[in-house]
Amino acid sequence: MINRLAVKGKVTFLILWMGVNILGWLFAPINALAPDLRTYLEVANRAFVYAAWGLVIGSVIGIGQFIVLKQRWYSTKRWFFMTLVGYTFALPIGLAVSTLIPAIASSIRGSGFLPLNEPASILYFPFPGDVVLGGWVVGIAQWIALRQILPYRNSRLAALWILGVWLSFGVGIFALLLARSGPININSGLWFDANLALERVWTGGLSGLVTGLLLLFVIDQAGKKVSEPSPLVENVSVD
């Protein structure tokens, strides 16, 4: 059963949770998450590449979050597995959804969107919609694990978690775009690109902050529901 933490414990948890997410996104080749695609075949090939990246990100974040949860509360190995599954499928599904929307719109207008395998003059730029649109997949996958360790759960908490994780993707990518367009430009001369590293830190840190706060809220609400006295008990009177 999950117990609520004191304020100091919550701050420590948030720091660890954000650190895990930053570490996971450090392995994401964010500069390659913005490809120009010309055919549906290239979209399909990109989906397989996205799955490989998601597998790496999900492995790191899944293991890290599992350890943090186990230290603070009761955890389950299912959390790691479902996080891994969620991130592996999130980017490919997000890419598929972001491609279907303009494809259907073009079909309604009576025109084509992308050719099957022969490049034309059309260049398709799915980022950042492809990443953001896949966030709900991680939310659903993690809820399957989270609901097993909550003392109380209902459809509202489920929807809150799924939508919140989805929002965290949007916040993270927004932070990335903000860092990319900001005035800070680090030319360190090192073997790695410091600007890309900063983008990953922003993405992982803010998305981790959103999901961390969300998890604390969900746990708090679940704990309150369990501690509430039963109406049947309150209405019993002794004559």
C-alpha atoms as a PDB file:
ATOM      1  CA  MET A   1       0.000   0.000   0.000  1.00  0.00           C
ATOM      2  CA  ILE A   2       1.190   3.516  -0.790  1.00  0.00           C
ATOM      3  CA  ASN A   3       1.445   5.997   2.073  1.00  0.00           C
ATOM      4  CA  ARG A   4       1.540   9.777   1.790  1.00  0.00           C
ATOM      5  CA  LEU A   5       4.860  11.504   2.405  1.00  0.00           C
ATOM      6  CA  ALA A   6       5.753  14.507   4.536  1.00  0.00           C
ATOM      7  CA  VAL A   7       6.774  17.758   2.837  1.00  0.00           C
ATOM      8  CA  LYS A   8      10.509  16.988   3.054  1.00  0.00           C
ATOM      9  CA  GLY A   9       9.940  13.541   1.613  1.00  0.00           C
ATOM     10  CA  LYS A  10       7.916  15.006  -1.259  1.00  0.00           C
ATOM     11  CA  VAL A  11      10.683  17.441  -2.177  1.00  0.00           C
ATOM     12  CA  THR A  12      13.259  14.659  -2.136  1.00  0.00           C
ATOM     13  CA  PHE A  13      10.982  12.479  -4.222  1.00  0.00           C
ATOM     14  CA  LEU A  14      10.474  15.234  -6.824  1.00  0.00           C
ATOM     15  CA  ILE A  15      14.218  15.830  -7.133  1.00  0.00           C
ATOM     16  CA  LEU A  16      14.904  12.123  -7.634  1.00  0.00           C
ATOM     17  CA  TRP A  17      11.968  11.745 -10.037  1.00  0.00           C
ATOM     18  CA  MET A  18      13.098  14.695 -12.157  1.00  0.00           C
ATOM     19  CA  GLY A  19      16.680  13.397 -12.154  1.00  0.00           C
ATOM     20  CA  VAL A  20      15.535  10.027 -13.464  1.00  0.00           C
ATOM     21  CA  ASN A  21      13.574  11.670 -16.283  1.00  0.00           C
ATOM     22  CA  ILE A  22      16.507  13.897 -17.196  1.00  0.00           C
ATOM     23  CA  LEU A  23      18.765  10.849 -17.333  1.00  0.00           C
ATOM     24  CA  GLY A  24      16.307   9.061 -19.596  1.00  0.00           C
ATOM     25  CA  TRP A  25      15.975  11.962 -22.033  1.00  0.00           C
ATOM     26  CA  LEU A  26      19.748  12.413 -22.148  1.00  0.00           C
ATOM     27  CA  PHE A  27      19.754   9.242 -24.254  1.00  0.00           C
ATOM     28  CA  ALA A  28      17.195  10.682 -26.674  1.00  0.00           C
ATOM     29  CA  PRO A  29      18.668  11.969 -29.951  1.00  0.00           C
ATOM     30  CA  ILE A  30      16.401  15.004 -29.853  1.00  0.00           C
ATOM     31  CA  ASN A  31      18.086  16.534 -32.881  1.00  0.00           C
ATOM     32  CA  ALA A  32      16.960  13.493 -34.886  1.00  0.00           C
ATOM     33  CA  LEU A  33      13.379  13.635 -33.608  1.00  0.00           C
ATOM     34  CA  ALA A  34      12.637  16.270 -36.241  1.00  0.00           C
ATOM     35  CA  PRO A  35      13.061  14.517 -39.606  1.00  0.00           C
ATOM     36  CA  ASP A  36      11.895  15.704 -42.994  1.00  0.00           C
ATOM     37  CA  LEU A  37       9.886  12.831 -44.462  1.00  0.00           C
ATOM     38  CA  ARG A  38       8.960  12.547 -48.132  1.00  0.00           C
ATOM     39  CA  THR A  39       7.139   9.214 -48.496  1.00  0.00           C
ATOM     40  CA  TYR A  40       4.972   6.857 -46.455  1.00  0.00           C
ATOM     41  CA  LEU A  41       7.821   4.359 -46.635  1.00  0.00           C
ATOM     42  CA  GLU A  42      10.101   6.842 -44.882  1.00  0.00           C
ATOM     43  CA  VAL A  43       7.383   7.369 -42.255  1.00  0.00           C
ATOM     44  CA  ALA A  44       7.262   3.598 -41.646  1.00  0.00           C
ATOM     45  CA  ASN A  45      11.057   3.382 -41.389  1.00  0.00           C
ATOM     46  CA  ARG A  46      11.084   6.320 -38.982  1.00  0.00           C
ATOM     47  CA  ALA A  47       8.493   4.538 -36.804  1.00  0.00           C
ATOM     48  CA  PHE A  48      10.891   1.602 -36.302  1.00  0.00           C
ATOM     49  CA  VAL A  49      13.692   4.016 -35.398  1.00  0.00           C
ATOM     50  CA  TYR A  50      11.376   5.792 -32.963  1.00  0.00           C
ATOM     51  CA  ALA A  51      10.559   2.464 -31.323  1.00  0.00           C
ATOM     52  CA  ALA A  52      14.271   1.799 -30.771  1.00  0.00           C
ATOM     53  CA  TRP A  53      14.770   5.222 -29.177  1.00  0.00           C
ATOM     54  CA  GLY A  54      11.665   4.753 -27.060  1.00  0.00           C
ATOM     55  CA  LEU A  55      13.011   1.403 -25.878  1.00  0.00           C
ATOM     56  CA  VAL A  56      16.193   3.083 -24.617  1.00  0.00           C
ATOM     57  CA  ILE A  57      14.382   6.011 -22.981  1.00  0.00           C
ATOM     58  CA  GLY A  58      11.783   3.713 -21.441  1.00  0.00           C
ATOM     59  CA  SER A  59      14.431   1.366 -20.067  1.00  0.00           C
ATOM     60  CA  VAL A  60      16.310   4.135 -18.268  1.00  0.00           C
ATOM     61  CA  ILE A  61      13.219   5.947 -16.981  1.00  0.00           C
ATOM     62  CA  GLY A  62      11.460   2.696 -16.097  1.00  0.00           C
ATOM     63  CA  ILE A  63      14.345   1.375 -14.011  1.00  0.00           C
ATOM     64  CA  GLY A  64      14.940   4.739 -12.342  1.00  0.00           C
ATOM     65  CA  GLN A  65      11.284   5.336 -11.475  1.00  0.00           C
ATOM     66  CA  PHE A  66      10.944   1.789 -10.184  1.00  0.00           C
ATOM     67  CA  ILE A  67      13.876   2.338  -7.812  1.00  0.00           C
ATOM     68  CA  VAL A  68      12.525   5.704  -6.602  1.00  0.00           C
ATOM     69  CA  LEU A  69       9.072   4.229  -6.018  1.00  0.00           C
ATOM     70  CA  LYS A  70      10.502   1.251  -4.183  1.00  0.00           C
ATOM     71  CA  GLN A  71      12.508   3.497  -1.867  1.00  0.00           C
ATOM     72  CA  ARG A  72       9.589   5.787  -1.047  1.00  0.00           C
ATOM     73  CA  TRP A  73       6.611   3.482  -1.316  1.00  0.00           C
ATOM     74  CA  TYR A  74       5.706  -0.030  -2.262  1.00  0.00           C
ATOM     75  CA  SER A  75       6.511  -0.631  -5.920  1.00  0.00           C
ATOM     76  CA  THR A  76       6.109  -3.382  -8.455  1.00  0.00           C
ATOM     77  CA  LYS A  77       8.207  -4.710 -11.303  1.00  0.00           C
ATOM     78  CA  ARG A  78       5.188  -4.122 -13.527  1.00  0.00           C
ATOM     79  CA  TRP A  79       5.946  -0.391 -13.333  1.00  0.00           C
ATOM     80  CA  PHE A  80       9.261  -0.896 -15.126  1.00  0.00           C
ATOM     81  CA  PHE A  81       7.737  -3.197 -17.730  1.00  0.00           C
ATOM     82  CA  MET A  82       4.757  -0.959 -18.508  1.00  0.00           C
ATOM     83  CA  THR A  83       6.945   2.159 -18.652  1.00  0.00           C
ATOM     84  CA  LEU A  84       9.216   0.351 -21.090  1.00  0.00           C
ATOM     85  CA  VAL A  85       6.237  -0.688 -23.216  1.00  0.00           C
ATOM     86  CA  GLY A  86       4.718   2.779 -23.080  1.00  0.00           C
ATOM     87  CA  TYR A  87       7.792   4.652 -24.277  1.00  0.00           C
ATOM     88  CA  THR A  88       8.573   2.024 -26.925  1.00  0.00           C
ATOM     89  CA  PHE A  89       5.170   2.456 -28.566  1.00  0.00           C
ATOM     90  CA  ALA A  90       4.551   6.132 -27.752  1.00  0.00           C
ATOM     91  CA  LEU A  91       6.745   7.684 -30.453  1.00  0.00           C
ATOM     92  CA  PRO A  92       5.688   5.331 -33.305  1.00  0.00           C
ATOM     93  CA  ILE A  93       2.004   5.761 -32.437  1.00  0.00           C
ATOM     94  CA  GLY A  94       2.437   9.513 -32.130  1.00  0.00           C
ATOM     95  CA  LEU A  95       4.098   9.560 -35.549  1.00  0.00           C
ATOM     96  CA  ALA A  96       1.256   7.480 -37.012  1.00  0.00           C
ATOM     97  CA  VAL A  97      -1.425   9.776 -35.568  1.00  0.00           C
ATOM     98  CA  SER A  98       0.370  12.947 -36.645  1.00  0.00           C
ATOM     99  CA  THR A  99       0.670  11.506 -40.170  1.00  0.00           C
ATOM    100  CA  LEU A 100      -2.929  10.310 -40.389  1.00  0.00           C
ATOM    101  CA  ILE A 101      -4.352  13.742 -39.562  1.00  0.00           C
ATOM    102  CA  PRO A 102      -2.936  15.589 -42.618  1.00  0.00           C
ATOM    103  CA  ALA A 103      -3.395  12.472 -44.774  1.00  0.00           C
ATOM    104  CA  ILE A 104      -7.123  12.344 -43.987  1.00  0.00           C
ATOM    105  CA  ALA A 105      -7.452  16.109 -44.393  1.00  0.00           C
ATOM    106  CA  SER A 106      -5.771  15.912 -47.808  1.00  0.00           C
ATOM    107  CA  SER A 107      -8.029  13.019 -48.808  1.00  0.00           C
ATOM    108  CA  ILE A 108     -11.130  15.022 -47.872  1.00  0.00           C
ATOM    109  CA  ARG A 109      -9.913  17.865 -50.060  1.00  0.00           C
ATOM    110  CA  GLY A 110      -9.447  15.379 -52.892  1.00  0.00           C
ATOM    111  CA  SER A 111      -5.645  15.597 -52.994  1.00  0.00           C
ATOM    112  CA  GLY A 112      -2.823  13.316 -51.950  1.00  0.00           C
ATOM    113  CA  PHE A 113      -0.507  13.871 -49.007  1.00  0.00           C
ATOM    114  CA  LEU A 114       2.642  11.769 -49.429  1.00  0.00           C
ATOM    115  CA  PRO A 115       3.595   9.312 -52.165  1.00  0.00           C
ATOM    116  CA  LEU A 116       4.100   5.689 -51.207  1.00  0.00           C
ATOM    117  CA  ASN A 117       7.798   5.229 -51.966  1.00  0.00           C
ATOM    118  CA  GLU A 118       8.847   7.688 -54.674  1.00  0.00           C
ATOM    119  CA  PRO A 119       9.785  11.108 -53.225  1.00  0.00           C
ATOM    120  CA  ALA A 120       7.974  14.132 -54.598  1.00  0.00           C
ATOM    121  CA  SER A 121       8.183  17.816 -53.791  1.00  0.00           C
ATOM    122  CA  ILE A 122       6.343  17.453 -50.476  1.00  0.00           C
ATOM    123  CA  LEU A 123       8.412  17.533 -47.270  1.00  0.00           C
ATOM    124  CA  TYR A 124       6.642  16.383 -44.121  1.00  0.00           C
ATOM    125  CA  PHE A 125       7.907  17.740 -40.794  1.00  0.00           C
ATOM    126  CA  PRO A 126       6.068  15.828 -38.008  1.00  0.00           C
ATOM    127  CA  PHE A 127       7.993  17.191 -34.997  1.00  0.00           C
ATOM    128  CA  PRO A 128       6.927  18.154 -32.348  1.00  0.00           C
ATOM    129  CA  GLY A 129       3.417  16.804 -32.889  1.00  0.00           C
ATOM    130  CA  ASP A 130       4.618  13.219 -33.307  1.00  0.00           C
ATOM    131  CA  VAL A 131       6.246  13.225 -29.849  1.00  0.00           C
ATOM    132  CA  VAL A 132       3.451  15.073 -28.042  1.00  0.00           C
ATOM    133  CA  LEU A 133       0.678  12.955 -29.564  1.00  0.00           C
ATOM    134  CA  GLY A 134       2.269   9.794 -28.179  1.00  0.00           C
ATOM    135  CA  GLY A 135       2.253  10.878 -24.530  1.00  0.00           C
ATOM    136  CA  TRP A 136      -1.115   9.295 -23.738  1.00  0.00           C
ATOM    137  CA  VAL A 137       0.317   5.859 -24.590  1.00  0.00           C
ATOM    138  CA  VAL A 138       2.794   6.149 -21.706  1.00  0.00           C
ATOM    139  CA  GLY A 139      -0.017   7.355 -19.457  1.00  0.00           C
ATOM    140  CA  ILE A 140      -2.201   4.326 -20.184  1.00  0.00           C
ATOM    141  CA  ALA A 141       0.683   1.885 -19.794  1.00  0.00           C
ATOM    142  CA  GLN A 142       1.813   3.343 -16.468  1.00  0.00           C
ATOM    143  CA  TRP A 143      -1.726   3.491 -15.087  1.00  0.00           C
ATOM    144  CA  ILE A 144      -2.010  -0.287 -15.550  1.00  0.00           C
ATOM    145  CA  ALA A 145       0.890  -0.612 -13.108  1.00  0.00           C
ATOM    146  CA  LEU A 146      -0.019   2.308 -10.835  1.00  0.00           C
ATOM    147  CA  ARG A 147      -3.564   1.100 -10.191  1.00  0.00           C
ATOM    148  CA  GLN A 148      -2.152  -2.100  -8.713  1.00  0.00           C
ATOM    149  CA  ILE A 149      -0.345  -0.263  -5.903  1.00  0.00           C
ATOM    150  CA  LEU A 150      -2.877   2.439  -5.069  1.00  0.00           C
ATOM    151  CA  PRO A 151      -5.110   1.798  -2.048  1.00  0.00           C
ATOM    152  CA  TYR A 152      -7.998   3.402  -3.951  1.00  0.00           C
ATOM    153  CA  ARG A 153      -8.548   4.093  -7.643  1.00  0.00           C
ATOM    154  CA  ASN A 154     -11.393   5.113  -9.915  1.00  0.00           C
ATOM    155  CA  SER A 155     -11.982   6.324 -13.454  1.00  0.00           C
ATOM    156  CA  ARG A 156     -11.316   9.955 -12.498  1.00  0.00           C
ATOM    157  CA  LEU A 157      -7.855   9.175 -11.159  1.00  0.00           C
ATOM    158  CA  ALA A 158      -7.182   7.062 -14.237  1.00  0.00           C
ATOM    159  CA  ALA A 159      -8.179   9.878 -16.601  1.00  0.00           C
ATOM    160  CA  LEU A 160      -6.212  12.390 -14.536  1.00  0.00           C
ATOM    161  CA  TRP A 161      -3.055  10.277 -14.715  1.00  0.00           C
ATOM    162  CA  ILE A 162      -3.318   9.559 -18.443  1.00  0.00           C
ATOM    163  CA  LEU A 163      -4.057  13.168 -19.381  1.00  0.00           C
ATOM    164  CA  GLY A 164      -1.401  14.424 -16.968  1.00  0.00           C
ATOM    165  CA  VAL A 165       1.335  12.236 -18.462  1.00  0.00           C
ATOM    166  CA  TRP A 166       0.192  13.364 -21.900  1.00  0.00           C
ATOM    167  CA  LEU A 167       0.484  16.980 -20.720  1.00  0.00           C
ATOM    168  CA  SER A 168       3.986  16.286 -19.390  1.00  0.00           C
ATOM    169  CA  PHE A 169       5.120  15.411 -22.912  1.00  0.00           C
ATOM    170  CA  GLY A 170       3.738  18.694 -24.186  1.00  0.00           C
ATOM    171  CA  VAL A 171       5.375  20.684 -21.380  1.00  0.00           C
ATOM    172  CA  GLY A 172       8.697  18.921 -21.957  1.00  0.00           C
ATOM    173  CA  ILE A 173       8.706  19.536 -25.701  1.00  0.00           C
ATOM    174  CA  PHE A 174       7.596  23.139 -25.192  1.00  0.00           C
ATOM    175  CA  ALA A 175      10.581  23.594 -22.870  1.00  0.00           C
ATOM    176  CA  LEU A 176      12.810  22.074 -25.539  1.00  0.00           C
ATOM    177  CA  LEU A 177      11.544  24.485 -28.195  1.00  0.00           C
ATOM    178  CA  LEU A 178      11.885  27.383 -25.767  1.00  0.00           C
ATOM    179  CA  ALA A 179      15.492  26.431 -25.015  1.00  0.00           C
ATOM    180  CA  ARG A 180      16.161  26.007 -28.728  1.00  0.00           C
ATOM    181  CA  SER A 181      14.884  29.484 -29.552  1.00  0.00           C
ATOM    182  CA  GLY A 182      16.321  31.168 -26.457  1.00  0.00           C
ATOM    183  CA  PRO A 183      19.314  33.497 -26.275  1.00  0.00           C
ATOM    184  CA  ILE A 184      21.558  30.906 -24.600  1.00  0.00           C
ATOM    185  CA  ASN A 185      23.997  29.322 -27.005  1.00  0.00           C
ATOM    186  CA  ILE A 186      26.741  27.225 -25.454  1.00  0.00           C
ATOM    187  CA  ASN A 187      29.816  26.702 -27.613  1.00  0.00           C
ATOM    188  CA  SER A 188      31.828  24.558 -25.262  1.00  0.00           C
ATOM    189  CA  GLY A 189      34.101  22.975 -27.832  1.00  0.00           C
ATOM    190  CA  LEU A 190      33.646  19.649 -26.086  1.00  0.00           C
ATOM    191  CA  TRP A 191      33.056  16.273 -27.739  1.00  0.00           C
ATOM    192  CA  PHE A 192      29.314  16.585 -27.109  1.00  0.00           C
ATOM    193  CA  ASP A 193      26.861  19.291 -28.161  1.00  0.00           C
ATOM    194  CA  ALA A 194      26.141  21.241 -24.985  1.00  0.00           C
ATOM    195  CA  ASN A 195      23.065  22.885 -26.502  1.00  0.00           C
ATOM    196  CA  LEU A 196      21.481  19.507 -27.243  1.00  0.00           C
ATOM    197  CA  ALA A 197      22.328  18.355 -23.725  1.00  0.00           C
ATOM    198  CA  LEU A 198      20.613  21.455 -22.321  1.00  0.00           C
ATOM    199  CA  GLU A 199      17.520  20.727 -24.425  1.00  0.00           C
ATOM    200  CA  ARG A 200      17.378  17.190 -23.055  1.00  0.00           C
ATOM    201  CA  VAL A 201      17.729  18.482 -19.490  1.00  0.00           C
ATOM    202  CA  TRP A 202      14.843  20.905 -19.989  1.00  0.00           C
ATOM    203  CA  THR A 203      12.656  18.247 -21.597  1.00  0.00           C
ATOM    204  CA  GLY A 204      13.310  15.550 -19.013  1.00  0.00           C
ATOM    205  CA  GLY A 205      13.299  17.886 -16.034  1.00  0.00           C
ATOM    206  CA  LEU A 206      10.006  19.654 -16.694  1.00  0.00           C
ATOM    207  CA  SER A 207       8.174  16.547 -17.891  1.00  0.00           C
ATOM    208  CA  GLY A 208       9.437  14.777 -14.763  1.00  0.00           C
ATOM    209  CA  LEU A 209       8.255  17.660 -12.579  1.00  0.00           C
ATOM    210  CA  VAL A 210       4.741  17.418 -14.046  1.00  0.00           C
ATOM    211  CA  THR A 211       4.449  13.637 -13.602  1.00  0.00           C
ATOM    212  CA  GLY A 212       6.075  13.793 -10.157  1.00  0.00           C
ATOM    213  CA  LEU A 213       3.592  16.384  -8.895  1.00  0.00           C
ATOM    214  CA  LEU A 214       0.791  14.431 -10.519  1.00  0.00           C
ATOM    215  CA  LEU A 215       1.838  11.207  -8.806  1.00  0.00           C
ATOM    216  CA  LEU A 216       1.954  12.916  -5.403  1.00  0.00           C
ATOM    217  CA  PHE A 217      -1.525  14.325  -5.997  1.00  0.00           C
ATOM    218  CA  VAL A 218      -2.952  10.971  -7.105  1.00  0.00           C
ATOM    219  CA  ILE A 219      -1.437   9.226  -4.084  1.00  0.00           C
ATOM    220  CA  ASP A 220      -2.769  11.954  -1.788  1.00  0.00           C
ATOM    221  CA  GLN A 221      -6.283  11.646  -3.228  1.00  0.00           C
ATOM    222  CA  ALA A 222      -6.200   7.853  -3.020  1.00  0.00           C
ATOM    223  CA  GLY A 223      -5.079   8.048   0.616  1.00  0.00           C
ATOM    224  CA  LYS A 224      -7.865  10.490   1.497  1.00  0.00           C
ATOM    225  CA  LYS A 225     -10.495   8.202  -0.003  1.00  0.00           C
ATOM    226  CA  VAL A 226      -9.244   5.256   2.042  1.00  0.00           C
ATOM    227  CA  SER A 227      -9.145   7.281   5.283  1.00  0.00           C
ATOM    228  CA  GLU A 228     -12.690   8.628   4.842  1.00  0.00           C
ATOM    229  CA  PRO A 229     -15.147   6.962   7.234  1.00  0.00           C
ATOM    230  CA  SER A 230     -17.852   4.862   5.689  1.00  0.00           C
ATOM    231  CA  PRO A 231     -21.272   6.569   5.477  1.00  0.00           C
ATOM    232  CA  LEU A 232     -22.814   3.384   6.833  1.00  0.00           C
ATOM    233  CA  VAL A 233     -20.699   3.670   9.958  1.00  0.00           C
ATOM    234  CA  GLU A 234     -21.495   7.368  10.414  1.00  0.00           C
ATOM    235  CA  ASN A 235     -25.240   6.788  10.235  1.00  0.00           C
ATOM    236  CA  VAL A 236     -25.270   4.086  12.908  1.00  0.00           C
ATOM    237  CA  SER A 237     -26.620   5.387  16.210  1.00  0.00           C
ATOM    238  CA  VAL A 238     -26.740   3.714  19.568  1.00  0.00           C
ATOM    239  CA  ASP A 239     -30.023   4.050  21.498  1.00  0.00           C
END
